[in-house]
N, C-alpha and C. Protein backbone atom coordinates (compact mmCIF):
# COMPACT_ATOMS: atom_id res chain seq x y z
N MET A 1 -42.69 1.44 30.62
CA MET A 1 -43.06 0.34 29.77
C MET A 1 -42.47 0.57 28.39
N ASN A 2 -41.75 -0.43 27.93
CA ASN A 2 -41.10 -0.34 26.63
C ASN A 2 -41.86 -1.17 25.61
N TRP A 3 -42.17 -0.55 24.51
CA TRP A 3 -42.81 -1.27 23.39
C TRP A 3 -41.74 -1.93 22.54
N PRO A 4 -42.08 -3.15 22.05
CA PRO A 4 -41.07 -3.79 21.19
C PRO A 4 -40.90 -3.03 19.89
N LYS A 5 -39.72 -2.98 19.43
CA LYS A 5 -39.44 -2.28 18.18
C LYS A 5 -39.54 -3.26 17.02
N ILE A 6 -40.26 -2.86 15.99
CA ILE A 6 -40.40 -3.68 14.79
C ILE A 6 -39.39 -3.16 13.78
N ILE A 7 -38.53 -4.03 13.41
CA ILE A 7 -37.49 -3.65 12.47
C ILE A 7 -37.78 -4.33 11.13
N ILE A 8 -37.94 -3.59 10.09
CA ILE A 8 -38.17 -4.12 8.75
C ILE A 8 -36.87 -4.05 7.98
N GLU A 9 -36.39 -5.23 7.67
CA GLU A 9 -35.15 -5.29 6.91
C GLU A 9 -35.46 -5.30 5.42
N LYS A 10 -34.70 -4.58 4.72
CA LYS A 10 -34.85 -4.57 3.28
C LYS A 10 -33.91 -5.62 2.70
N ASN A 11 -34.56 -6.69 2.19
CA ASN A 11 -33.78 -7.76 1.59
C ASN A 11 -34.25 -7.90 0.15
N GLU A 12 -33.39 -7.60 -0.78
CA GLU A 12 -33.77 -7.59 -2.19
C GLU A 12 -34.15 -8.97 -2.70
N LYS A 13 -33.49 -10.01 -2.23
CA LYS A 13 -33.79 -11.37 -2.67
C LYS A 13 -35.20 -11.77 -2.24
N ARG A 14 -35.55 -11.49 -0.99
CA ARG A 14 -36.90 -11.82 -0.51
C ARG A 14 -37.96 -11.04 -1.27
N PHE A 15 -37.67 -9.78 -1.49
CA PHE A 15 -38.62 -8.94 -2.21
C PHE A 15 -38.84 -9.46 -3.64
N PHE A 16 -37.75 -9.83 -4.31
CA PHE A 16 -37.84 -10.36 -5.66
C PHE A 16 -38.64 -11.67 -5.68
N LEU A 17 -38.39 -12.58 -4.73
CA LEU A 17 -39.13 -13.85 -4.65
C LEU A 17 -40.61 -13.62 -4.39
N ALA A 18 -40.92 -12.67 -3.53
CA ALA A 18 -42.33 -12.38 -3.23
C ALA A 18 -43.04 -11.83 -4.46
N VAL A 19 -42.42 -10.91 -5.17
CA VAL A 19 -43.01 -10.35 -6.38
C VAL A 19 -43.15 -11.43 -7.44
N PHE A 20 -42.13 -12.28 -7.60
CA PHE A 20 -42.19 -13.37 -8.58
C PHE A 20 -43.31 -14.36 -8.23
N GLY A 21 -43.46 -14.68 -6.94
CA GLY A 21 -44.53 -15.60 -6.50
C GLY A 21 -45.91 -15.03 -6.79
N VAL A 22 -46.11 -13.76 -6.51
CA VAL A 22 -47.40 -13.12 -6.80
C VAL A 22 -47.67 -13.11 -8.30
N PHE A 23 -46.63 -12.83 -9.08
CA PHE A 23 -46.77 -12.82 -10.53
C PHE A 23 -47.17 -14.21 -11.05
N VAL A 24 -46.54 -15.27 -10.56
CA VAL A 24 -46.85 -16.64 -10.98
C VAL A 24 -48.29 -17.00 -10.61
N ILE A 25 -48.71 -16.63 -9.41
CA ILE A 25 -50.09 -16.91 -8.98
C ILE A 25 -51.09 -16.20 -9.89
N ILE A 26 -50.85 -14.94 -10.19
CA ILE A 26 -51.74 -14.18 -11.07
C ILE A 26 -51.78 -14.82 -12.46
N LEU A 27 -50.62 -15.24 -12.96
CA LEU A 27 -50.54 -15.89 -14.27
C LEU A 27 -51.33 -17.20 -14.29
N LEU A 28 -51.18 -18.02 -13.26
CA LEU A 28 -51.91 -19.30 -13.19
C LEU A 28 -53.42 -19.10 -13.09
N VAL A 29 -53.84 -18.12 -12.33
CA VAL A 29 -55.27 -17.82 -12.22
C VAL A 29 -55.82 -17.36 -13.58
N ALA A 30 -55.06 -16.52 -14.27
CA ALA A 30 -55.49 -16.04 -15.59
C ALA A 30 -55.59 -17.21 -16.58
N LEU A 31 -54.60 -18.12 -16.56
CA LEU A 31 -54.64 -19.29 -17.45
C LEU A 31 -55.83 -20.18 -17.12
N ASN A 32 -56.11 -20.36 -15.86
CA ASN A 32 -57.25 -21.18 -15.43
C ASN A 32 -58.56 -20.59 -15.95
N VAL A 33 -58.73 -19.29 -15.80
CA VAL A 33 -59.94 -18.62 -16.29
C VAL A 33 -60.05 -18.76 -17.81
N LEU A 34 -58.94 -18.58 -18.51
CA LEU A 34 -58.93 -18.70 -19.97
C LEU A 34 -59.29 -20.11 -20.41
N LEU A 35 -58.71 -21.12 -19.76
CA LEU A 35 -59.01 -22.51 -20.11
C LEU A 35 -60.47 -22.85 -19.83
N LYS A 36 -61.01 -22.40 -18.72
CA LYS A 36 -62.43 -22.65 -18.42
C LYS A 36 -63.32 -22.02 -19.49
N PHE A 37 -62.96 -20.83 -19.92
CA PHE A 37 -63.74 -20.14 -20.95
C PHE A 37 -63.70 -20.93 -22.26
N GLN A 38 -62.51 -21.41 -22.65
CA GLN A 38 -62.39 -22.19 -23.89
C GLN A 38 -63.12 -23.52 -23.79
N ILE A 39 -63.04 -24.19 -22.64
CA ILE A 39 -63.75 -25.46 -22.46
C ILE A 39 -65.25 -25.24 -22.56
N ARG A 40 -65.75 -24.18 -21.96
CA ARG A 40 -67.18 -23.89 -22.03
C ARG A 40 -67.62 -23.65 -23.48
N ASN A 41 -66.81 -22.93 -24.25
CA ASN A 41 -67.14 -22.69 -25.65
C ASN A 41 -67.15 -24.00 -26.45
N LYS A 42 -66.16 -24.86 -26.22
CA LYS A 42 -66.11 -26.15 -26.93
C LYS A 42 -67.28 -27.04 -26.54
N GLN A 43 -67.66 -27.03 -25.26
CA GLN A 43 -68.80 -27.84 -24.82
C GLN A 43 -70.07 -27.39 -25.53
N GLU A 44 -70.24 -26.09 -25.68
CA GLU A 44 -71.43 -25.59 -26.36
C GLU A 44 -71.44 -26.01 -27.82
N GLU A 45 -70.25 -26.05 -28.45
CA GLU A 45 -70.17 -26.48 -29.85
C GLU A 45 -70.48 -27.97 -29.98
N LEU A 46 -70.00 -28.77 -29.02
CA LEU A 46 -70.15 -30.22 -29.11
C LEU A 46 -71.48 -30.73 -28.58
N THR A 47 -72.16 -29.94 -27.79
CA THR A 47 -73.40 -30.40 -27.19
C THR A 47 -74.52 -30.40 -28.23
N LEU A 48 -75.16 -31.53 -28.37
CA LEU A 48 -76.30 -31.63 -29.27
C LEU A 48 -77.58 -31.53 -28.45
N SER A 49 -78.56 -30.93 -29.02
CA SER A 49 -79.85 -30.94 -28.34
C SER A 49 -80.41 -32.35 -28.39
N SER A 50 -81.34 -32.66 -27.50
CA SER A 50 -81.90 -34.01 -27.46
C SER A 50 -82.62 -34.34 -28.76
N LYS A 51 -83.24 -33.37 -29.40
CA LYS A 51 -83.91 -33.63 -30.68
C LYS A 51 -82.91 -33.98 -31.77
N GLN A 52 -81.79 -33.24 -31.81
CA GLN A 52 -80.76 -33.54 -32.80
C GLN A 52 -80.19 -34.94 -32.58
N PHE A 53 -79.96 -35.29 -31.30
CA PHE A 53 -79.40 -36.60 -30.99
C PHE A 53 -80.35 -37.71 -31.41
N LEU A 54 -81.63 -37.56 -31.12
CA LEU A 54 -82.61 -38.59 -31.50
C LEU A 54 -82.71 -38.73 -33.01
N SER A 55 -82.66 -37.60 -33.73
CA SER A 55 -82.74 -37.70 -35.19
C SER A 55 -81.50 -38.38 -35.76
N LEU A 56 -80.32 -38.10 -35.19
CA LEU A 56 -79.10 -38.77 -35.64
C LEU A 56 -79.16 -40.26 -35.32
N LYS A 57 -79.68 -40.59 -34.16
CA LYS A 57 -79.77 -41.99 -33.77
C LYS A 57 -80.72 -42.75 -34.71
N LYS A 58 -81.82 -42.11 -35.07
CA LYS A 58 -82.77 -42.76 -35.98
C LYS A 58 -82.14 -42.96 -37.35
N GLN A 59 -81.36 -41.98 -37.80
CA GLN A 59 -80.71 -42.11 -39.09
C GLN A 59 -79.63 -43.19 -39.06
N ALA A 60 -78.92 -43.29 -37.94
CA ALA A 60 -77.78 -44.19 -37.86
C ALA A 60 -78.20 -45.66 -37.83
N ILE A 61 -79.15 -46.00 -37.00
CA ILE A 61 -79.54 -47.41 -36.86
C ILE A 61 -81.00 -47.55 -37.26
N LYS A 62 -81.20 -48.10 -38.42
CA LYS A 62 -82.56 -48.36 -38.86
C LYS A 62 -83.00 -49.70 -38.30
N PRO A 63 -84.23 -49.81 -37.82
CA PRO A 63 -84.68 -51.06 -37.20
C PRO A 63 -84.57 -52.26 -38.12
N GLU A 64 -84.74 -52.08 -39.42
CA GLU A 64 -84.68 -53.23 -40.32
C GLU A 64 -83.27 -53.83 -40.41
N PHE A 65 -82.25 -53.06 -40.04
CA PHE A 65 -80.89 -53.57 -40.07
C PHE A 65 -80.60 -54.51 -38.89
N THR A 66 -81.41 -54.46 -37.86
CA THR A 66 -81.16 -55.28 -36.68
C THR A 66 -81.90 -56.61 -36.73
N LYS A 67 -82.80 -56.79 -37.68
CA LYS A 67 -83.62 -58.00 -37.74
C LYS A 67 -83.01 -59.04 -38.68
N ILE A 68 -83.15 -60.31 -38.29
CA ILE A 68 -82.71 -61.41 -39.14
C ILE A 68 -83.90 -61.85 -40.00
N ILE A 69 -83.69 -61.88 -41.32
CA ILE A 69 -84.75 -62.21 -42.27
C ILE A 69 -84.53 -63.62 -42.79
N LYS A 70 -85.54 -64.46 -42.69
CA LYS A 70 -85.48 -65.82 -43.24
C LYS A 70 -85.66 -65.73 -44.74
N LEU A 71 -84.80 -66.44 -45.48
CA LEU A 71 -84.85 -66.42 -46.94
C LEU A 71 -85.45 -67.72 -47.46
N ASP A 72 -85.94 -67.68 -48.69
CA ASP A 72 -86.48 -68.89 -49.31
C ASP A 72 -85.38 -69.87 -49.70
N SER A 73 -84.18 -69.36 -49.93
CA SER A 73 -83.07 -70.24 -50.34
C SER A 73 -82.45 -70.93 -49.12
N LYS A 74 -81.72 -72.00 -49.37
CA LYS A 74 -81.03 -72.71 -48.29
C LYS A 74 -79.64 -72.16 -48.05
N CYS A 75 -79.02 -71.61 -49.08
CA CYS A 75 -77.66 -71.07 -48.97
C CYS A 75 -77.61 -69.68 -49.59
N PRO A 76 -77.73 -68.62 -48.86
CA PRO A 76 -77.90 -68.52 -47.42
C PRO A 76 -79.37 -68.72 -47.00
N SER A 77 -79.55 -69.10 -45.75
CA SER A 77 -80.90 -69.32 -45.25
C SER A 77 -81.45 -68.10 -44.53
N GLU A 78 -80.56 -67.22 -44.05
CA GLU A 78 -80.97 -66.01 -43.34
C GLU A 78 -80.06 -64.85 -43.74
N GLN A 79 -80.62 -63.64 -43.58
CA GLN A 79 -79.86 -62.44 -43.92
C GLN A 79 -80.20 -61.35 -42.91
N ALA A 80 -79.24 -60.49 -42.62
CA ALA A 80 -79.47 -59.37 -41.71
C ALA A 80 -78.53 -58.24 -42.07
N GLY A 81 -78.72 -57.10 -41.41
CA GLY A 81 -77.85 -55.94 -41.64
C GLY A 81 -78.30 -55.12 -42.83
N ASN A 82 -77.38 -54.36 -43.35
CA ASN A 82 -77.65 -53.44 -44.45
C ASN A 82 -77.34 -54.12 -45.78
N PRO A 83 -78.37 -54.38 -46.61
CA PRO A 83 -78.12 -55.07 -47.88
C PRO A 83 -77.24 -54.27 -48.84
N ASP A 84 -77.14 -52.96 -48.64
CA ASP A 84 -76.32 -52.12 -49.53
C ASP A 84 -74.94 -51.83 -48.95
N ALA A 85 -74.59 -52.45 -47.83
CA ALA A 85 -73.30 -52.17 -47.18
C ALA A 85 -72.13 -52.66 -48.03
N ASN A 86 -71.00 -52.01 -47.85
CA ASN A 86 -69.79 -52.38 -48.58
C ASN A 86 -69.23 -53.72 -48.10
N LEU A 87 -69.35 -54.00 -46.81
CA LEU A 87 -68.81 -55.23 -46.22
C LEU A 87 -69.90 -56.30 -46.13
N THR A 88 -69.58 -57.50 -46.62
CA THR A 88 -70.47 -58.66 -46.49
C THR A 88 -69.77 -59.72 -45.66
N ILE A 89 -70.48 -60.23 -44.66
CA ILE A 89 -69.95 -61.31 -43.82
C ILE A 89 -70.80 -62.54 -44.06
N LYS A 90 -70.18 -63.58 -44.61
CA LYS A 90 -70.85 -64.87 -44.78
C LYS A 90 -70.49 -65.70 -43.55
N TYR A 91 -71.51 -66.10 -42.81
CA TYR A 91 -71.30 -66.79 -41.54
C TYR A 91 -71.83 -68.22 -41.65
N PHE A 92 -70.93 -69.19 -41.50
CA PHE A 92 -71.30 -70.60 -41.56
C PHE A 92 -71.42 -71.14 -40.14
N TYR A 93 -72.54 -71.80 -39.85
CA TYR A 93 -72.80 -72.28 -38.50
C TYR A 93 -73.40 -73.69 -38.56
N SER A 94 -73.45 -74.29 -37.39
CA SER A 94 -74.10 -75.59 -37.25
C SER A 94 -75.03 -75.51 -36.05
N PRO A 95 -76.24 -76.09 -36.13
CA PRO A 95 -77.16 -76.02 -35.00
C PRO A 95 -76.67 -76.76 -33.76
N VAL A 96 -75.70 -77.66 -33.92
CA VAL A 96 -75.20 -78.43 -32.78
C VAL A 96 -73.82 -77.95 -32.33
N CYS A 97 -73.44 -76.76 -32.71
CA CYS A 97 -72.11 -76.21 -32.41
C CYS A 97 -72.22 -75.24 -31.23
N PHE A 98 -71.49 -75.54 -30.13
CA PHE A 98 -71.50 -74.68 -28.95
C PHE A 98 -70.96 -73.29 -29.27
N TRP A 99 -69.83 -73.24 -30.00
CA TRP A 99 -69.22 -71.94 -30.32
C TRP A 99 -70.12 -71.11 -31.22
N CYS A 100 -70.96 -71.78 -32.02
CA CYS A 100 -71.89 -71.05 -32.88
C CYS A 100 -72.96 -70.33 -32.06
N VAL A 101 -73.35 -70.92 -30.94
CA VAL A 101 -74.32 -70.27 -30.05
C VAL A 101 -73.74 -68.96 -29.53
N LEU A 102 -72.47 -69.00 -29.11
CA LEU A 102 -71.80 -67.78 -28.65
C LEU A 102 -71.64 -66.78 -29.78
N GLU A 103 -71.30 -67.28 -30.97
CA GLU A 103 -71.11 -66.39 -32.12
C GLU A 103 -72.43 -65.74 -32.51
N ASP A 104 -73.53 -66.49 -32.43
CA ASP A 104 -74.86 -65.92 -32.73
C ASP A 104 -75.16 -64.76 -31.79
N GLN A 105 -74.80 -64.90 -30.52
CA GLN A 105 -75.02 -63.82 -29.55
C GLN A 105 -74.17 -62.59 -29.91
N ASN A 106 -72.92 -62.84 -30.28
CA ASN A 106 -72.04 -61.73 -30.69
C ASN A 106 -72.60 -61.00 -31.90
N LEU A 107 -73.03 -61.77 -32.90
CA LEU A 107 -73.55 -61.16 -34.13
C LEU A 107 -74.85 -60.40 -33.87
N ALA A 108 -75.70 -60.94 -33.00
CA ALA A 108 -76.96 -60.25 -32.66
C ALA A 108 -76.66 -58.92 -31.99
N ALA A 109 -75.70 -58.89 -31.09
CA ALA A 109 -75.32 -57.64 -30.42
C ALA A 109 -74.72 -56.65 -31.42
N LEU A 110 -73.89 -57.14 -32.34
CA LEU A 110 -73.29 -56.26 -33.35
C LEU A 110 -74.34 -55.70 -34.31
N LEU A 111 -75.34 -56.49 -34.63
CA LEU A 111 -76.41 -55.99 -35.50
C LEU A 111 -77.15 -54.85 -34.82
N GLN A 112 -77.31 -54.92 -33.51
CA GLN A 112 -77.99 -53.85 -32.78
C GLN A 112 -77.21 -52.55 -32.83
N LYS A 113 -75.88 -52.64 -32.81
CA LYS A 113 -75.05 -51.43 -32.75
C LYS A 113 -74.46 -51.03 -34.09
N GLU A 114 -74.12 -52.01 -34.93
CA GLU A 114 -73.41 -51.72 -36.17
C GLU A 114 -74.12 -52.28 -37.39
N GLY A 115 -75.40 -52.59 -37.28
CA GLY A 115 -76.13 -53.26 -38.36
C GLY A 115 -76.14 -52.52 -39.68
N GLN A 116 -76.01 -51.20 -39.65
CA GLN A 116 -76.00 -50.42 -40.88
C GLN A 116 -74.67 -50.52 -41.61
N ALA A 117 -73.63 -51.02 -40.93
CA ALA A 117 -72.27 -51.02 -41.49
C ALA A 117 -71.92 -52.27 -42.28
N PHE A 118 -72.70 -53.35 -42.13
CA PHE A 118 -72.35 -54.59 -42.82
C PHE A 118 -73.60 -55.39 -43.16
N LYS A 119 -73.41 -56.31 -44.09
CA LYS A 119 -74.46 -57.26 -44.48
C LYS A 119 -74.05 -58.63 -43.97
N LEU A 120 -74.96 -59.31 -43.29
CA LEU A 120 -74.69 -60.63 -42.75
C LEU A 120 -75.52 -61.67 -43.49
N GLU A 121 -74.85 -62.71 -43.96
CA GLU A 121 -75.53 -63.85 -44.58
C GLU A 121 -75.21 -65.08 -43.75
N LYS A 122 -76.26 -65.82 -43.34
CA LYS A 122 -76.07 -67.00 -42.50
C LYS A 122 -76.27 -68.27 -43.32
N TYR A 123 -75.30 -69.18 -43.21
CA TYR A 123 -75.30 -70.44 -43.94
C TYR A 123 -75.28 -71.60 -42.95
N ASN A 124 -76.28 -72.47 -43.03
CA ASN A 124 -76.33 -73.67 -42.19
C ASN A 124 -75.41 -74.72 -42.82
N ARG A 125 -74.49 -75.23 -42.05
CA ARG A 125 -73.51 -76.19 -42.58
C ARG A 125 -74.18 -77.44 -43.16
N GLU A 126 -75.28 -77.87 -42.56
CA GLU A 126 -75.96 -79.07 -43.03
C GLU A 126 -76.44 -78.92 -44.47
N ASN A 127 -76.82 -77.71 -44.86
CA ASN A 127 -77.32 -77.46 -46.21
C ASN A 127 -76.26 -76.93 -47.15
N CYS A 128 -75.19 -76.36 -46.60
CA CYS A 128 -74.23 -75.64 -47.43
C CYS A 128 -72.80 -76.18 -47.28
N ASP A 129 -72.67 -77.47 -47.04
CA ASP A 129 -71.35 -78.07 -46.83
C ASP A 129 -70.46 -77.93 -48.07
N SER A 130 -71.05 -78.07 -49.25
CA SER A 130 -70.25 -77.93 -50.48
C SER A 130 -69.70 -76.51 -50.63
N LEU A 131 -70.48 -75.52 -50.21
CA LEU A 131 -70.02 -74.12 -50.26
C LEU A 131 -68.88 -73.90 -49.26
N MET A 132 -68.98 -74.54 -48.10
CA MET A 132 -67.88 -74.45 -47.13
C MET A 132 -66.60 -75.03 -47.70
N GLN A 133 -66.72 -76.14 -48.40
CA GLN A 133 -65.54 -76.75 -49.02
C GLN A 133 -64.96 -75.85 -50.10
N LYS A 134 -65.82 -75.15 -50.82
CA LYS A 134 -65.35 -74.22 -51.84
C LYS A 134 -64.46 -73.14 -51.22
N TYR A 135 -64.83 -72.68 -50.01
CA TYR A 135 -64.05 -71.65 -49.31
C TYR A 135 -62.95 -72.26 -48.44
N ASN A 136 -62.76 -73.57 -48.48
CA ASN A 136 -61.76 -74.26 -47.66
C ASN A 136 -61.98 -74.05 -46.17
N LEU A 137 -63.24 -74.01 -45.77
CA LEU A 137 -63.58 -73.90 -44.36
C LEU A 137 -63.86 -75.30 -43.82
N SER A 138 -63.30 -75.62 -42.66
CA SER A 138 -63.53 -76.94 -42.09
C SER A 138 -64.25 -76.89 -40.75
N LEU A 139 -64.24 -75.72 -40.10
CA LEU A 139 -64.82 -75.58 -38.77
C LEU A 139 -66.04 -74.68 -38.79
N THR A 140 -66.92 -74.90 -37.81
CA THR A 140 -67.98 -73.93 -37.55
C THR A 140 -67.74 -73.41 -36.13
N PRO A 141 -67.92 -72.14 -35.93
CA PRO A 141 -68.28 -71.15 -36.93
C PRO A 141 -67.15 -70.90 -37.93
N GLY A 142 -67.55 -70.47 -39.11
CA GLY A 142 -66.61 -70.11 -40.16
C GLY A 142 -67.07 -68.82 -40.83
N PHE A 143 -66.14 -68.05 -41.32
CA PHE A 143 -66.47 -66.74 -41.89
C PHE A 143 -65.81 -66.53 -43.24
N VAL A 144 -66.52 -65.81 -44.09
CA VAL A 144 -65.96 -65.31 -45.35
C VAL A 144 -66.28 -63.81 -45.38
N PHE A 145 -65.24 -62.98 -45.43
CA PHE A 145 -65.39 -61.52 -45.47
C PHE A 145 -65.10 -61.04 -46.89
N SER A 146 -65.95 -60.15 -47.39
CA SER A 146 -65.71 -59.58 -48.72
C SER A 146 -66.23 -58.15 -48.76
N THR A 147 -65.65 -57.38 -49.68
CA THR A 147 -66.12 -56.00 -49.90
C THR A 147 -66.40 -55.82 -51.39
N LYS A 148 -67.19 -54.81 -51.70
CA LYS A 148 -67.57 -54.57 -53.10
C LYS A 148 -66.37 -54.20 -53.96
N GLY A 149 -65.41 -53.49 -53.39
CA GLY A 149 -64.28 -53.03 -54.18
C GLY A 149 -63.13 -54.03 -54.28
N ASP A 150 -63.23 -55.15 -53.60
CA ASP A 150 -62.14 -56.13 -53.58
C ASP A 150 -62.69 -57.48 -54.03
N LYS A 151 -62.10 -58.03 -55.08
CA LYS A 151 -62.59 -59.33 -55.59
C LYS A 151 -62.20 -60.48 -54.68
N LYS A 152 -61.14 -60.30 -53.90
CA LYS A 152 -60.68 -61.37 -53.03
C LYS A 152 -61.60 -61.51 -51.82
N GLU A 153 -61.81 -62.76 -51.39
CA GLU A 153 -62.61 -63.03 -50.20
C GLU A 153 -61.68 -63.61 -49.13
N TYR A 154 -61.87 -63.16 -47.90
CA TYR A 154 -61.00 -63.54 -46.80
C TYR A 154 -61.75 -64.49 -45.87
N THR A 155 -61.15 -65.63 -45.58
CA THR A 155 -61.82 -66.65 -44.77
C THR A 155 -61.16 -66.77 -43.40
N VAL A 156 -61.99 -67.10 -42.41
CA VAL A 156 -61.51 -67.35 -41.05
C VAL A 156 -62.24 -68.58 -40.54
N ASP A 157 -61.48 -69.59 -40.15
CA ASP A 157 -62.03 -70.82 -39.56
C ASP A 157 -62.10 -70.66 -38.05
N GLY A 158 -63.25 -70.88 -37.45
CA GLY A 158 -63.35 -70.88 -35.99
C GLY A 158 -63.98 -69.62 -35.42
N TYR A 159 -64.12 -69.65 -34.10
CA TYR A 159 -64.78 -68.58 -33.33
C TYR A 159 -63.97 -67.29 -33.38
N ILE A 160 -64.69 -66.16 -33.50
CA ILE A 160 -64.08 -64.83 -33.42
C ILE A 160 -64.80 -64.08 -32.31
N SER A 161 -64.06 -63.49 -31.40
CA SER A 161 -64.67 -62.77 -30.28
C SER A 161 -65.42 -61.54 -30.79
N LYS A 162 -66.34 -61.05 -29.97
CA LYS A 162 -67.14 -59.87 -30.33
C LYS A 162 -66.23 -58.66 -30.56
N GLU A 163 -65.21 -58.52 -29.72
CA GLU A 163 -64.29 -57.38 -29.85
C GLU A 163 -63.56 -57.42 -31.19
N ASN A 164 -63.11 -58.62 -31.58
CA ASN A 164 -62.39 -58.73 -32.85
C ASN A 164 -63.31 -58.56 -34.06
N LEU A 165 -64.55 -59.05 -33.95
CA LEU A 165 -65.52 -58.81 -35.03
C LEU A 165 -65.79 -57.31 -35.17
N THR A 166 -65.95 -56.65 -34.04
CA THR A 166 -66.17 -55.20 -34.06
C THR A 166 -64.99 -54.49 -34.70
N LYS A 167 -63.79 -54.92 -34.35
CA LYS A 167 -62.59 -54.30 -34.92
C LYS A 167 -62.53 -54.48 -36.42
N VAL A 168 -62.87 -55.67 -36.90
CA VAL A 168 -62.88 -55.91 -38.36
C VAL A 168 -63.89 -55.00 -39.02
N ILE A 169 -65.11 -54.93 -38.47
CA ILE A 169 -66.16 -54.09 -39.05
C ILE A 169 -65.73 -52.63 -39.06
N CYS A 170 -65.17 -52.17 -37.96
CA CYS A 170 -64.75 -50.77 -37.86
C CYS A 170 -63.58 -50.47 -38.80
N ASP A 171 -62.60 -51.38 -38.85
CA ASP A 171 -61.44 -51.15 -39.71
C ASP A 171 -61.81 -51.14 -41.19
N VAL A 172 -62.70 -52.05 -41.57
CA VAL A 172 -63.04 -52.19 -42.99
C VAL A 172 -63.99 -51.07 -43.43
N THR A 173 -64.99 -50.77 -42.62
CA THR A 173 -66.00 -49.79 -43.04
C THR A 173 -65.65 -48.37 -42.63
N GLY A 174 -64.79 -48.24 -41.62
CA GLY A 174 -64.47 -46.91 -41.12
C GLY A 174 -65.59 -46.30 -40.32
N TYR A 175 -66.55 -47.11 -39.92
CA TYR A 175 -67.71 -46.60 -39.20
C TYR A 175 -67.91 -47.39 -37.93
N CYS A 176 -68.00 -46.72 -36.81
CA CYS A 176 -68.25 -47.40 -35.54
C CYS A 176 -69.17 -46.56 -34.68
N LEU A 177 -70.23 -47.17 -34.20
CA LEU A 177 -71.12 -46.50 -33.25
C LEU A 177 -70.78 -46.86 -31.82
N ALA A 178 -70.23 -48.02 -31.62
CA ALA A 178 -70.11 -48.56 -30.27
C ALA A 178 -68.96 -47.89 -29.53
N SER A 179 -69.27 -46.87 -28.73
CA SER A 179 -68.23 -46.18 -27.98
C SER A 179 -67.64 -47.08 -26.92
N GLU A 180 -68.43 -48.00 -26.36
CA GLU A 180 -67.91 -48.91 -25.36
C GLU A 180 -66.84 -49.82 -25.96
N ASN A 181 -67.03 -50.22 -27.20
CA ASN A 181 -66.03 -51.08 -27.84
C ASN A 181 -64.77 -50.29 -28.14
N LYS A 182 -64.91 -49.00 -28.46
CA LYS A 182 -63.74 -48.17 -28.70
C LYS A 182 -62.90 -48.08 -27.43
N GLN A 183 -63.56 -47.93 -26.29
CA GLN A 183 -62.83 -47.88 -25.04
C GLN A 183 -62.14 -49.21 -24.77
N LYS A 184 -62.81 -50.31 -25.06
CA LYS A 184 -62.19 -51.62 -24.86
C LYS A 184 -61.01 -51.80 -25.79
N ASN A 185 -61.13 -51.29 -27.03
CA ASN A 185 -60.06 -51.48 -28.00
C ASN A 185 -58.85 -50.61 -27.70
N ASP A 186 -59.03 -49.58 -26.83
CA ASP A 186 -57.89 -48.77 -26.44
C ASP A 186 -56.89 -49.61 -25.64
N GLY A 187 -57.41 -50.59 -24.89
CA GLY A 187 -56.55 -51.53 -24.19
C GLY A 187 -56.19 -52.66 -25.13
N GLN A 188 -55.56 -53.67 -24.60
CA GLN A 188 -55.17 -54.81 -25.45
C GLN A 188 -56.35 -55.74 -25.62
N LEU A 189 -56.63 -56.14 -26.87
CA LEU A 189 -57.72 -57.07 -27.14
C LEU A 189 -57.31 -58.45 -26.68
N GLN A 190 -58.29 -59.16 -26.11
CA GLN A 190 -58.03 -60.52 -25.68
C GLN A 190 -58.72 -61.46 -26.62
N GLY A 191 -58.29 -62.70 -26.62
CA GLY A 191 -58.91 -63.69 -27.49
C GLY A 191 -58.16 -63.79 -28.80
N GLN A 192 -58.81 -64.36 -29.77
CA GLN A 192 -58.20 -64.61 -31.07
C GLN A 192 -57.93 -63.31 -31.79
N LYS A 193 -56.73 -63.18 -32.33
CA LYS A 193 -56.37 -62.00 -33.11
C LYS A 193 -56.73 -62.26 -34.57
N VAL A 194 -57.47 -61.36 -35.14
CA VAL A 194 -57.86 -61.51 -36.54
C VAL A 194 -57.32 -60.32 -37.30
N ARG A 195 -56.50 -60.57 -38.30
CA ARG A 195 -55.93 -59.49 -39.10
C ARG A 195 -56.44 -59.63 -40.53
N ILE A 196 -57.32 -58.74 -40.88
CA ILE A 196 -57.86 -58.75 -42.23
C ILE A 196 -57.74 -57.32 -42.75
N ASN A 197 -56.93 -57.12 -43.75
CA ASN A 197 -56.72 -55.78 -44.30
C ASN A 197 -57.38 -55.70 -45.66
N PHE A 198 -58.52 -55.01 -45.73
CA PHE A 198 -59.20 -54.80 -47.00
C PHE A 198 -58.71 -53.50 -47.58
N GLN A 199 -58.57 -53.48 -48.87
CA GLN A 199 -58.13 -52.26 -49.55
C GLN A 199 -59.31 -51.40 -49.92
């Protein structure tokens, strides 16, 4: 009975490739371990305790900024948001305007998320038509944007989508809470484009 003979050939190219392959695998495993370690450290730095998160949330959105306050005056008739905010939005509406109903919903949602970032003044067109003419506004909804540091006031005639209102508030104030809107703004905004550059 003859046993098969095992012949081991010495091939330098194969040996070099095998050593190089083992070296690459060891290097990749080491990099993977290092990256996992760094990610874990960063997660610990970025993770807030639930108490810290709740205290930040309470500081960020005060309940009084989300409520609409009826005023004794007719122009404006209502006010909401942060009275000390740098950005003031004068909003002209009509009770019989379909687009104003949609705009009211947009503004109510923005007050819930960004109410600390801006002051909203609501003007009923029936009572404040002369003020609308002063700003050269002909449509409702209509907007006048102003900041404390800029004497110029910027007007927009017509409906503005929630995404574009959010973008204006974020661009002007530099403050945004709404992470969902940030994700939406990463893509292309749809609807009316509003370009207002405050200094």
